[in-house]
Amino acid sequence: MIEIVESDRCIACDRCIEVCPTRVFDRAPDGIPVIARQDSCQTCFQCEAYCPTDALFVAPLVTPAPPDSPLRDVERLEESGLLGGYRRELGWGKGRKLGARTAVGPEYPD
């Protein structure tokens, strides 16, 4: 479930708005996307994956995190590496190695 749009990192590129299949986001007057329909989030991680500045965090939950949850604490998410973590695991972004293309899987017989 989408939990965070970090306005300090966001560059108002609208990628999250464009890729969200359920239209969770609206654009605020300052251009920064806001979570307008959190209950519509399908936890598909597309917004987080396509965010070029790692400004979004999607928690691996199907319901919103409680207000006091560490999954809503930007500082803790930054310190733990979770803010932008999905994109990093994919290998998307400057200086990152592509995860799916370089992963070593089990050997399969012909």
C-alpha atoms as a PDB file:
ATOM      1  CA  MET A   1       0.000   0.000   0.000  1.00  0.00           C
ATOM      2  CA  ILE A   2       1.370   3.432  -0.916  1.00  0.00           C
ATOM      3  CA  GLU A   3       2.395   5.217   2.270  1.00  0.00           C
ATOM      4  CA  ILE A   4       4.751   8.071   1.386  1.00  0.00           C
ATOM      5  CA  VAL A   5       5.341  10.738  -1.227  1.00  0.00           C
ATOM      6  CA  GLU A   6       8.456  12.507   0.055  1.00  0.00           C
ATOM      7  CA  SER A   7       8.025  16.088  -1.162  1.00  0.00           C
ATOM      8  CA  ASP A   8      11.696  16.961  -0.493  1.00  0.00           C
ATOM      9  CA  ARG A   9      12.778  14.383  -3.079  1.00  0.00           C
ATOM     10  CA  CYS A  10       9.898  14.746  -5.547  1.00  0.00           C
ATOM     11  CA  ILE A  11      10.559  16.669  -8.770  1.00  0.00           C
ATOM     12  CA  ALA A  12       6.892  16.728  -9.866  1.00  0.00           C
ATOM     13  CA  CYS A  13       7.590  14.657 -12.991  1.00  0.00           C
ATOM     14  CA  ASP A  14       4.161  12.955 -12.774  1.00  0.00           C
ATOM     15  CA  ARG A  15       5.551   9.474 -13.500  1.00  0.00           C
ATOM     16  CA  CYS A  16       3.707   8.032 -10.487  1.00  0.00           C
ATOM     17  CA  ILE A  17       0.459   9.585 -11.665  1.00  0.00           C
ATOM     18  CA  GLU A  18       1.003   8.195 -15.177  1.00  0.00           C
ATOM     19  CA  VAL A  19       1.870   4.613 -14.198  1.00  0.00           C
ATOM     20  CA  CYS A  20      -0.648   4.050 -11.406  1.00  0.00           C
ATOM     21  CA  PRO A  21      -3.290   1.649 -12.753  1.00  0.00           C
ATOM     22  CA  THR A  22      -5.893   2.684 -10.158  1.00  0.00           C
ATOM     23  CA  ARG A  23      -5.354   6.475 -10.162  1.00  0.00           C
ATOM     24  CA  VAL A  24      -4.309   6.712  -6.514  1.00  0.00           C
ATOM     25  CA  PHE A  25      -2.603  10.104  -6.931  1.00  0.00           C
ATOM     26  CA  ASP A  26      -3.784  13.656  -7.544  1.00  0.00           C
ATOM     27  CA  ARG A  27      -1.543  16.611  -8.261  1.00  0.00           C
ATOM     28  CA  ALA A  28      -1.442  19.238  -5.510  1.00  0.00           C
ATOM     29  CA  PRO A  29      -1.387  22.953  -6.408  1.00  0.00           C
ATOM     30  CA  ASP A  30       2.414  22.958  -5.930  1.00  0.00           C
ATOM     31  CA  GLY A  31       2.727  20.131  -8.510  1.00  0.00           C
ATOM     32  CA  ILE A  32       3.717  17.453  -6.011  1.00  0.00           C
ATOM     33  CA  PRO A  33       1.530  14.325  -6.215  1.00  0.00           C
ATOM     34  CA  VAL A  34      -0.577  13.511  -3.175  1.00  0.00           C
ATOM     35  CA  ILE A  35      -2.072  10.196  -2.138  1.00  0.00           C
ATOM     36  CA  ALA A  36      -5.743  10.892  -2.820  1.00  0.00           C
ATOM     37  CA  ARG A  37      -7.243   7.406  -2.894  1.00  0.00           C
ATOM     38  CA  GLN A  38      -5.018   5.175  -0.786  1.00  0.00           C
ATOM     39  CA  ASP A  39      -7.743   2.544  -0.502  1.00  0.00           C
ATOM     40  CA  SER A  40      -7.501   2.075  -4.292  1.00  0.00           C
ATOM     41  CA  CYS A  41      -3.815   1.107  -4.119  1.00  0.00           C
ATOM     42  CA  GLN A  42      -3.187  -2.433  -5.365  1.00  0.00           C
ATOM     43  CA  THR A  43       0.357  -2.540  -3.947  1.00  0.00           C
ATOM     44  CA  CYS A  44       1.732  -3.097  -7.454  1.00  0.00           C
ATOM     45  CA  PHE A  45       4.867  -1.014  -6.706  1.00  0.00           C
ATOM     46  CA  GLN A  46       4.773   0.613 -10.159  1.00  0.00           C
ATOM     47  CA  CYS A  47       4.841   4.140  -8.754  1.00  0.00           C
ATOM     48  CA  GLU A  48       7.871   3.340  -6.595  1.00  0.00           C
ATOM     49  CA  ALA A  49       9.633   1.551  -9.440  1.00  0.00           C
ATOM     50  CA  TYR A  50       9.211   4.418 -11.904  1.00  0.00           C
ATOM     51  CA  CYS A  51       9.999   7.290  -9.502  1.00  0.00           C
ATOM     52  CA  PRO A  52      13.339   8.698 -10.723  1.00  0.00           C
ATOM     53  CA  THR A  53      14.196  10.265  -7.356  1.00  0.00           C
ATOM     54  CA  ASP A  54      13.143   7.460  -4.973  1.00  0.00           C
ATOM     55  CA  ALA A  55      10.532   9.752  -3.417  1.00  0.00           C
ATOM     56  CA  LEU A  56       7.859   7.089  -2.931  1.00  0.00           C
ATOM     57  CA  PHE A  57       7.446   4.223  -0.531  1.00  0.00           C
ATOM     58  CA  VAL A  58       5.000   1.375  -1.008  1.00  0.00           C
ATOM     59  CA  ALA A  59       4.683  -0.826   2.076  1.00  0.00           C
ATOM     60  CA  PRO A  60       4.151  -4.541   1.456  1.00  0.00           C
ATOM     61  CA  LEU A  61       0.715  -4.334   3.068  1.00  0.00           C
ATOM     62  CA  VAL A  62      -2.827  -4.604   1.756  1.00  0.00           C
ATOM     63  CA  THR A  63      -4.210  -2.090   4.248  1.00  0.00           C
ATOM     64  CA  PRO A  64      -2.812   1.287   5.311  1.00  0.00           C
ATOM     65  CA  ALA A  65      -0.124   1.262   7.986  1.00  0.00           C
ATOM     66  CA  PRO A  66      -1.165   2.754  11.340  1.00  0.00           C
ATOM     67  CA  PRO A  67      -0.285   6.460  11.741  1.00  0.00           C
ATOM     68  CA  ASP A  68       2.520   5.672  14.216  1.00  0.00           C
ATOM     69  CA  SER A  69       4.023   2.880  12.087  1.00  0.00           C
ATOM     70  CA  PRO A  70       7.717   2.932  11.178  1.00  0.00           C
ATOM     71  CA  LEU A  71       6.483   2.407   7.604  1.00  0.00           C
ATOM     72  CA  ARG A  72       5.316   6.034   7.655  1.00  0.00           C
ATOM     73  CA  ASP A  73       8.509   7.465   9.173  1.00  0.00           C
ATOM     74  CA  VAL A  74      10.607   8.965   6.358  1.00  0.00           C
ATOM     75  CA  GLU A  75      13.785   9.221   8.443  1.00  0.00           C
ATOM     76  CA  ARG A  76      13.621   5.576   9.489  1.00  0.00           C
ATOM     77  CA  LEU A  77      12.886   4.477   5.934  1.00  0.00           C
ATOM     78  CA  GLU A  78      15.863   6.479   4.628  1.00  0.00           C
ATOM     79  CA  GLU A  79      18.187   5.101   7.324  1.00  0.00           C
ATOM     80  CA  SER A  80      17.100   1.524   6.658  1.00  0.00           C
ATOM     81  CA  GLY A  81      17.392   1.898   2.889  1.00  0.00           C
ATOM     82  CA  LEU A  82      13.719   1.144   2.334  1.00  0.00           C
ATOM     83  CA  LEU A  83      12.870   4.509   0.741  1.00  0.00           C
ATOM     84  CA  GLY A  84      13.562   3.725  -2.916  1.00  0.00           C
ATOM     85  CA  GLY A  85      14.474   0.170  -1.999  1.00  0.00           C
ATOM     86  CA  TYR A  86      12.244  -1.531  -4.565  1.00  0.00           C
ATOM     87  CA  ARG A  87      13.768   0.487  -7.406  1.00  0.00           C
ATOM     88  CA  ARG A  88      17.248  -0.284  -6.108  1.00  0.00           C
ATOM     89  CA  GLU A  89      16.478  -4.029  -6.039  1.00  0.00           C
ATOM     90  CA  LEU A  90      15.312  -3.825  -9.641  1.00  0.00           C
ATOM     91  CA  GLY A  91      18.575  -2.119 -10.527  1.00  0.00           C
ATOM     92  CA  TRP A  92      16.781   0.933 -11.914  1.00  0.00           C
ATOM     93  CA  GLY A  93      18.564   4.251 -11.603  1.00  0.00           C
ATOM     94  CA  LYS A  94      21.951   5.748 -12.369  1.00  0.00           C
ATOM     95  CA  GLY A  95      24.850   3.631 -11.203  1.00  0.00           C
ATOM     96  CA  ARG A  96      22.756   0.578 -10.338  1.00  0.00           C
ATOM     97  CA  LYS A  97      23.147  -2.877 -11.828  1.00  0.00           C
ATOM     98  CA  LEU A  98      20.028  -4.415 -13.301  1.00  0.00           C
ATOM     99  CA  GLY A  99      18.783  -7.003 -10.843  1.00  0.00           C
ATOM    100  CA  ALA A 100      16.682  -9.193 -13.116  1.00  0.00           C
ATOM    101  CA  ARG A 101      19.226  -9.291 -15.942  1.00  0.00           C
ATOM    102  CA  THR A 102      22.181 -10.133 -13.744  1.00  0.00           C
ATOM    103  CA  ALA A 103      20.525 -12.510 -11.293  1.00  0.00           C
ATOM    104  CA  VAL A 104      21.925 -16.010 -11.260  1.00  0.00           C
ATOM    105  CA  GLY A 105      19.208 -18.611 -11.123  1.00  0.00           C
ATOM    106  CA  PRO A 106      19.209 -22.383 -10.822  1.00  0.00           C
ATOM    107  CA  GLU A 107      20.439 -24.466 -13.698  1.00  0.00           C
ATOM    108  CA  TYR A 108      17.660 -26.161 -15.640  1.00  0.00           C
ATOM    109  CA  PRO A 109      18.212 -29.328 -17.655  1.00  0.00           C
ATOM    110  CA  ASP A 110      17.595 -29.150 -21.382  1.00  0.00           C
END
